[in-house]
Amino acid sequence: MTTPGTYLTQPNSEERSMALIAHLSTIAALIISAGWLSFVGPLVVWFLYKDKSQFARQSAAGAFNFNLGMWVLSIIGWILIVTLIGAVVGIPLVIFSAVAQVICHVIGAIKANRGELYDYPFQLRILS
């Protein structure tokens, strides 16, 4: 039995690299698209490696699921900001979403580089 965050066999360098891309592509997309496309990178990695590598697939699925949750939180925040009534709540939601994405994806990238899986703290489990 493995403990959370560990993997049965050590992933090879290609698997670790693809997992690293799945985690870090979200930060790049967060900057380039203001957060609107941050889930695309992990989705592409998951689609390309879903049958080739369990490690890359699970890493990409975790990054995608976490991003989806943060994306929904960000949309709620922007809706609250636009209505002006909820700007007091909306601005902190958007800031929290962006900061949580950066911090969690950096931690995920560090763990992926070590060959470990990262279990994100909040996920809408769509991909597995």
N, C-alpha and C. Protein backbone atom coordinates (compact mmCIF):
# COMPACT_ATOMS: atom_id res chain seq x y z
N MET A 1 0.84 -1.18 0.00
CA MET A 1 0.00 0.00 0.00
C MET A 1 0.89 1.25 0.00
N THR A 2 0.50 2.22 -0.78
CA THR A 2 1.31 3.44 -0.86
C THR A 2 0.64 4.54 -0.04
N THR A 3 1.45 5.45 0.41
CA THR A 3 0.92 6.61 1.13
C THR A 3 0.55 7.68 0.12
N PRO A 4 -0.32 8.62 0.49
CA PRO A 4 -0.72 9.67 -0.45
C PRO A 4 0.51 10.43 -0.95
N GLY A 5 0.54 10.67 -2.25
CA GLY A 5 1.65 11.41 -2.84
C GLY A 5 2.78 10.54 -3.33
N THR A 6 2.73 9.23 -3.05
CA THR A 6 3.79 8.35 -3.52
C THR A 6 3.29 7.57 -4.72
N TYR A 7 4.20 6.96 -5.42
CA TYR A 7 3.89 6.25 -6.64
C TYR A 7 4.57 4.90 -6.59
N LEU A 8 3.94 3.86 -7.12
CA LEU A 8 4.47 2.51 -7.01
C LEU A 8 5.83 2.36 -7.67
N THR A 9 5.98 2.83 -8.90
CA THR A 9 7.26 2.76 -9.59
C THR A 9 7.72 4.18 -9.88
N GLN A 10 9.00 4.35 -9.92
CA GLN A 10 9.55 5.68 -10.20
C GLN A 10 9.29 6.03 -11.66
N PRO A 11 8.59 7.15 -11.93
CA PRO A 11 8.32 7.53 -13.31
C PRO A 11 9.61 7.93 -14.02
N ASN A 12 9.64 7.67 -15.34
CA ASN A 12 10.83 8.03 -16.11
C ASN A 12 10.86 9.53 -16.36
N SER A 13 11.91 10.01 -17.00
CA SER A 13 12.08 11.46 -17.18
C SER A 13 10.99 12.06 -18.08
N GLU A 14 10.52 11.31 -19.08
CA GLU A 14 9.45 11.84 -19.95
C GLU A 14 8.15 12.00 -19.15
N GLU A 15 7.83 11.02 -18.32
CA GLU A 15 6.62 11.11 -17.50
C GLU A 15 6.70 12.28 -16.53
N ARG A 16 7.86 12.44 -15.90
CA ARG A 16 8.04 13.56 -14.97
C ARG A 16 7.95 14.89 -15.71
N SER A 17 8.53 14.96 -16.91
CA SER A 17 8.48 16.20 -17.70
C SER A 17 7.06 16.55 -18.09
N MET A 18 6.28 15.57 -18.50
CA MET A 18 4.90 15.85 -18.89
C MET A 18 4.06 16.25 -17.68
N ALA A 19 4.30 15.64 -16.54
CA ALA A 19 3.60 16.04 -15.32
C ALA A 19 3.99 17.46 -14.93
N LEU A 20 5.27 17.78 -15.09
CA LEU A 20 5.75 19.12 -14.81
C LEU A 20 5.08 20.13 -15.74
N ILE A 21 4.95 19.80 -17.01
CA ILE A 21 4.26 20.68 -17.97
C ILE A 21 2.80 20.84 -17.59
N ALA A 22 2.16 19.77 -17.16
CA ALA A 22 0.75 19.85 -16.76
C ALA A 22 0.57 20.84 -15.61
N HIS A 23 1.49 20.84 -14.66
CA HIS A 23 1.39 21.75 -13.52
C HIS A 23 1.76 23.19 -13.90
N LEU A 24 2.85 23.35 -14.63
CA LEU A 24 3.34 24.70 -14.92
C LEU A 24 2.62 25.40 -16.06
N SER A 25 2.01 24.65 -16.96
CA SER A 25 1.28 25.28 -18.07
C SER A 25 0.11 26.11 -17.55
N THR A 26 -0.40 25.73 -16.40
CA THR A 26 -1.51 26.49 -15.83
C THR A 26 -1.07 27.87 -15.38
N ILE A 27 0.13 27.98 -14.85
CA ILE A 27 0.63 29.29 -14.42
C ILE A 27 0.87 30.17 -15.64
N ALA A 28 1.44 29.61 -16.69
CA ALA A 28 1.66 30.38 -17.92
C ALA A 28 0.33 30.85 -18.50
N ALA A 29 -0.65 29.97 -18.55
CA ALA A 29 -1.96 30.34 -19.08
C ALA A 29 -2.66 31.34 -18.16
N LEU A 30 -2.42 31.23 -16.88
CA LEU A 30 -3.00 32.17 -15.92
C LEU A 30 -2.52 33.59 -16.23
N ILE A 31 -1.26 33.71 -16.57
CA ILE A 31 -0.68 35.03 -16.89
C ILE A 31 -1.13 35.49 -18.28
N ILE A 32 -1.05 34.62 -19.26
CA ILE A 32 -1.35 34.99 -20.65
C ILE A 32 -2.83 35.29 -20.86
N SER A 33 -3.71 34.47 -20.28
CA SER A 33 -5.15 34.60 -20.56
C SER A 33 -5.93 35.17 -19.38
N ALA A 34 -5.27 35.72 -18.41
CA ALA A 34 -5.92 36.25 -17.20
C ALA A 34 -6.74 35.16 -16.50
N GLY A 35 -6.30 33.92 -16.60
CA GLY A 35 -6.93 32.82 -15.89
C GLY A 35 -8.02 32.09 -16.65
N TRP A 36 -8.42 32.59 -17.79
CA TRP A 36 -9.55 31.99 -18.49
C TRP A 36 -9.21 30.67 -19.17
N LEU A 37 -7.96 30.44 -19.50
CA LEU A 37 -7.58 29.20 -20.21
C LEU A 37 -6.62 28.33 -19.40
N SER A 38 -6.60 28.51 -18.10
CA SER A 38 -5.61 27.81 -17.28
C SER A 38 -5.82 26.30 -17.23
N PHE A 39 -6.97 25.82 -17.62
CA PHE A 39 -7.24 24.38 -17.57
C PHE A 39 -6.85 23.66 -18.87
N VAL A 40 -6.48 24.41 -19.91
CA VAL A 40 -6.20 23.81 -21.22
C VAL A 40 -4.93 22.95 -21.21
N GLY A 41 -3.86 23.44 -20.62
CA GLY A 41 -2.59 22.70 -20.59
C GLY A 41 -2.72 21.33 -19.95
N PRO A 42 -3.26 21.25 -18.74
CA PRO A 42 -3.43 19.92 -18.13
C PRO A 42 -4.37 19.01 -18.93
N LEU A 43 -5.39 19.59 -19.56
CA LEU A 43 -6.32 18.80 -20.37
C LEU A 43 -5.61 18.19 -21.57
N VAL A 44 -4.73 18.96 -22.22
CA VAL A 44 -3.98 18.44 -23.36
C VAL A 44 -3.03 17.33 -22.92
N VAL A 45 -2.31 17.54 -21.81
CA VAL A 45 -1.40 16.51 -21.30
C VAL A 45 -2.19 15.25 -20.94
N TRP A 46 -3.33 15.41 -20.27
CA TRP A 46 -4.15 14.26 -19.90
C TRP A 46 -4.59 13.50 -21.14
N PHE A 47 -5.05 14.23 -22.16
CA PHE A 47 -5.52 13.59 -23.38
C PHE A 47 -4.39 12.83 -24.10
N LEU A 48 -3.20 13.42 -24.16
CA LEU A 48 -2.08 12.79 -24.86
C LEU A 48 -1.49 11.61 -24.09
N TYR A 49 -1.55 11.64 -22.76
CA TYR A 49 -0.89 10.62 -21.96
C TYR A 49 -1.84 9.74 -21.15
N LYS A 50 -3.15 9.81 -21.44
CA LYS A 50 -4.09 9.03 -20.63
C LYS A 50 -3.88 7.53 -20.75
N ASP A 51 -3.36 7.06 -21.89
CA ASP A 51 -3.11 5.63 -22.07
C ASP A 51 -1.63 5.28 -22.01
N LYS A 52 -0.75 6.28 -22.00
CA LYS A 52 0.69 6.03 -22.04
C LYS A 52 1.33 6.01 -20.67
N SER A 53 0.88 6.89 -19.78
CA SER A 53 1.54 7.02 -18.49
C SER A 53 0.54 7.32 -17.39
N GLN A 54 0.46 6.44 -16.43
CA GLN A 54 -0.45 6.66 -15.31
C GLN A 54 -0.01 7.87 -14.49
N PHE A 55 1.28 8.05 -14.32
CA PHE A 55 1.79 9.18 -13.53
C PHE A 55 1.44 10.51 -14.19
N ALA A 56 1.72 10.65 -15.48
CA ALA A 56 1.40 11.89 -16.19
C ALA A 56 -0.11 12.12 -16.23
N ARG A 57 -0.87 11.06 -16.42
CA ARG A 57 -2.33 11.18 -16.47
C ARG A 57 -2.88 11.65 -15.13
N GLN A 58 -2.44 11.05 -14.04
CA GLN A 58 -2.94 11.44 -12.73
C GLN A 58 -2.51 12.85 -12.36
N SER A 59 -1.30 13.23 -12.71
CA SER A 59 -0.82 14.59 -12.44
C SER A 59 -1.64 15.61 -13.22
N ALA A 60 -1.87 15.33 -14.51
CA ALA A 60 -2.65 16.25 -15.35
C ALA A 60 -4.10 16.31 -14.89
N ALA A 61 -4.66 15.18 -14.49
CA ALA A 61 -6.05 15.16 -14.02
C ALA A 61 -6.19 15.98 -12.74
N GLY A 62 -5.24 15.85 -11.83
CA GLY A 62 -5.28 16.64 -10.60
C GLY A 62 -5.17 18.12 -10.87
N ALA A 63 -4.25 18.50 -11.77
CA ALA A 63 -4.08 19.91 -12.12
C ALA A 63 -5.34 20.45 -12.80
N PHE A 64 -5.93 19.66 -13.69
CA PHE A 64 -7.15 20.09 -14.38
C PHE A 64 -8.30 20.24 -13.39
N ASN A 65 -8.51 19.25 -12.55
CA ASN A 65 -9.61 19.28 -11.59
C ASN A 65 -9.49 20.46 -10.63
N PHE A 66 -8.28 20.72 -10.15
CA PHE A 66 -8.05 21.86 -9.27
C PHE A 66 -8.32 23.17 -10.00
N ASN A 67 -7.81 23.26 -11.24
CA ASN A 67 -8.02 24.48 -12.02
C ASN A 67 -9.48 24.73 -12.30
N LEU A 68 -10.21 23.68 -12.55
CA LEU A 68 -11.64 23.83 -12.81
C LEU A 68 -12.34 24.44 -11.59
N GLY A 69 -12.01 23.96 -10.41
CA GLY A 69 -12.58 24.52 -9.19
C GLY A 69 -12.19 25.98 -8.98
N MET A 70 -10.93 26.29 -9.22
CA MET A 70 -10.48 27.68 -9.08
C MET A 70 -11.07 28.58 -10.16
N TRP A 71 -11.29 28.01 -11.34
CA TRP A 71 -11.90 28.75 -12.44
C TRP A 71 -13.33 29.13 -12.08
N VAL A 72 -14.08 28.18 -11.53
CA VAL A 72 -15.46 28.45 -11.10
C VAL A 72 -15.46 29.51 -9.99
N LEU A 73 -14.55 29.39 -9.04
CA LEU A 73 -14.44 30.37 -7.97
C LEU A 73 -14.13 31.76 -8.53
N SER A 74 -13.26 31.81 -9.51
CA SER A 74 -12.91 33.09 -10.15
C SER A 74 -14.10 33.69 -10.89
N ILE A 75 -14.85 32.86 -11.60
CA ILE A 75 -16.03 33.36 -12.32
C ILE A 75 -17.05 33.93 -11.34
N ILE A 76 -17.26 33.24 -10.24
CA ILE A 76 -18.18 33.75 -9.21
C ILE A 76 -17.68 35.10 -8.69
N GLY A 77 -16.37 35.17 -8.46
CA GLY A 77 -15.79 36.44 -8.00
C GLY A 77 -15.99 37.56 -9.01
N TRP A 78 -15.77 37.27 -10.30
CA TRP A 78 -15.95 38.31 -11.33
C TRP A 78 -17.41 38.72 -11.46
N ILE A 79 -18.32 37.78 -11.33
CA ILE A 79 -19.74 38.14 -11.37
C ILE A 79 -20.08 39.06 -10.20
N LEU A 80 -19.55 38.74 -9.04
CA LEU A 80 -19.79 39.60 -7.88
C LEU A 80 -19.17 40.99 -8.06
N ILE A 81 -17.99 41.05 -8.68
CA ILE A 81 -17.34 42.34 -8.92
C ILE A 81 -18.16 43.17 -9.90
N VAL A 82 -18.64 42.55 -10.96
CA VAL A 82 -19.40 43.28 -11.98
C VAL A 82 -20.70 43.83 -11.41
N THR A 83 -21.31 43.11 -10.50
CA THR A 83 -22.56 43.60 -9.92
C THR A 83 -22.32 44.74 -8.93
N LEU A 84 -21.08 44.98 -8.60
CA LEU A 84 -20.66 46.04 -7.67
C LEU A 84 -21.16 45.82 -6.24
N ILE A 85 -22.28 45.18 -6.08
CA ILE A 85 -22.81 44.94 -4.73
C ILE A 85 -21.89 43.95 -4.01
N GLY A 86 -21.41 42.95 -4.75
CA GLY A 86 -20.58 41.92 -4.14
C GLY A 86 -19.10 42.12 -4.35
N ALA A 87 -18.68 43.33 -4.73
CA ALA A 87 -17.26 43.57 -4.98
C ALA A 87 -16.41 43.32 -3.74
N VAL A 88 -16.98 43.55 -2.58
CA VAL A 88 -16.24 43.33 -1.34
C VAL A 88 -15.89 41.85 -1.18
N VAL A 89 -16.73 40.98 -1.67
CA VAL A 89 -16.47 39.54 -1.60
C VAL A 89 -15.77 39.07 -2.88
N GLY A 90 -16.14 39.63 -4.03
CA GLY A 90 -15.62 39.19 -5.31
C GLY A 90 -14.13 39.42 -5.49
N ILE A 91 -13.65 40.57 -5.09
CA ILE A 91 -12.22 40.87 -5.25
C ILE A 91 -11.36 39.90 -4.45
N PRO A 92 -11.65 39.64 -3.18
CA PRO A 92 -10.86 38.64 -2.46
C PRO A 92 -10.96 37.23 -3.07
N LEU A 93 -12.13 36.87 -3.63
CA LEU A 93 -12.26 35.55 -4.26
C LEU A 93 -11.34 35.41 -5.46
N VAL A 94 -11.30 36.44 -6.30
CA VAL A 94 -10.44 36.41 -7.48
C VAL A 94 -8.97 36.37 -7.07
N ILE A 95 -8.60 37.17 -6.09
CA ILE A 95 -7.21 37.18 -5.61
C ILE A 95 -6.85 35.83 -4.99
N PHE A 96 -7.74 35.29 -4.16
CA PHE A 96 -7.49 33.98 -3.55
C PHE A 96 -7.31 32.91 -4.61
N SER A 97 -8.17 32.92 -5.62
CA SER A 97 -8.10 31.94 -6.70
C SER A 97 -6.75 32.00 -7.42
N ALA A 98 -6.30 33.19 -7.76
CA ALA A 98 -5.03 33.35 -8.47
C ALA A 98 -3.85 32.91 -7.61
N VAL A 99 -3.83 33.34 -6.35
CA VAL A 99 -2.72 32.99 -5.45
C VAL A 99 -2.70 31.49 -5.17
N ALA A 100 -3.87 30.90 -4.94
CA ALA A 100 -3.94 29.46 -4.68
C ALA A 100 -3.46 28.67 -5.89
N GLN A 101 -3.81 29.12 -7.09
CA GLN A 101 -3.35 28.42 -8.29
C GLN A 101 -1.84 28.45 -8.40
N VAL A 102 -1.25 29.61 -8.21
CA VAL A 102 0.21 29.72 -8.33
C VAL A 102 0.90 28.85 -7.28
N ILE A 103 0.50 28.98 -6.03
CA ILE A 103 1.15 28.24 -4.94
C ILE A 103 0.99 26.73 -5.14
N CYS A 104 -0.23 26.28 -5.37
CA CYS A 104 -0.47 24.83 -5.49
C CYS A 104 0.21 24.24 -6.72
N HIS A 105 0.24 24.97 -7.83
CA HIS A 105 0.87 24.43 -9.02
C HIS A 105 2.39 24.41 -8.90
N VAL A 106 2.97 25.35 -8.19
CA VAL A 106 4.41 25.30 -7.94
C VAL A 106 4.73 24.09 -7.07
N ILE A 107 3.94 23.86 -6.03
CA ILE A 107 4.14 22.68 -5.18
C ILE A 107 3.97 21.40 -6.02
N GLY A 108 2.94 21.37 -6.86
CA GLY A 108 2.72 20.22 -7.74
C GLY A 108 3.88 19.98 -8.68
N ALA A 109 4.44 21.06 -9.23
CA ALA A 109 5.58 20.95 -10.15
C ALA A 109 6.82 20.42 -9.43
N ILE A 110 7.05 20.89 -8.23
CA ILE A 110 8.20 20.42 -7.45
C ILE A 110 8.05 18.92 -7.16
N LYS A 111 6.86 18.52 -6.75
CA LYS A 111 6.63 17.09 -6.47
C LYS A 111 6.73 16.25 -7.74
N ALA A 112 6.20 16.76 -8.86
CA ALA A 112 6.28 16.01 -10.12
C ALA A 112 7.73 15.83 -10.54
N ASN A 113 8.54 16.84 -10.33
CA ASN A 113 9.96 16.74 -10.67
C ASN A 113 10.66 15.67 -9.83
N ARG A 114 10.17 15.45 -8.62
CA ARG A 114 10.71 14.40 -7.74
C ARG A 114 10.12 13.02 -8.04
N GLY A 115 9.09 13.00 -8.90
CA GLY A 115 8.43 11.73 -9.21
C GLY A 115 7.31 11.39 -8.25
N GLU A 116 6.77 12.40 -7.56
CA GLU A 116 5.70 12.19 -6.60
C GLU A 116 4.40 12.80 -7.13
N LEU A 117 3.28 12.20 -6.78
CA LEU A 117 1.98 12.77 -7.12
C LEU A 117 1.61 13.82 -6.09
N TYR A 118 0.93 14.87 -6.54
CA TYR A 118 0.46 15.92 -5.63
C TYR A 118 -1.05 15.86 -5.57
N ASP A 119 -1.58 15.76 -4.38
CA ASP A 119 -3.03 15.75 -4.19
C ASP A 119 -3.46 17.17 -3.85
N TYR A 120 -4.08 17.83 -4.81
CA TYR A 120 -4.50 19.22 -4.63
C TYR A 120 -5.54 19.32 -3.52
N PRO A 121 -5.57 20.45 -2.80
CA PRO A 121 -6.46 20.57 -1.64
C PRO A 121 -7.94 20.66 -2.01
N PHE A 122 -8.27 21.17 -3.17
CA PHE A 122 -9.67 21.31 -3.56
C PHE A 122 -9.79 20.95 -5.04
N GLN A 123 -10.62 19.96 -5.34
CA GLN A 123 -10.77 19.54 -6.73
C GLN A 123 -12.23 19.22 -7.02
N LEU A 124 -12.67 19.63 -8.21
CA LEU A 124 -13.92 19.14 -8.75
C LEU A 124 -13.53 17.95 -9.61
N ARG A 125 -13.69 16.77 -9.12
CA ARG A 125 -13.17 15.57 -9.78
C ARG A 125 -13.96 15.24 -11.05
N ILE A 126 -13.43 15.71 -12.16
CA ILE A 126 -14.00 15.44 -13.48
C ILE A 126 -13.15 14.40 -14.19
N LEU A 127 -11.85 14.64 -14.24
CA LEU A 127 -10.91 13.70 -14.85
C LEU A 127 -10.30 12.84 -13.77
N SER A 128 -9.92 11.62 -14.16
CA SER A 128 -9.23 10.74 -13.22
C SER A 128 -8.07 10.07 -13.89
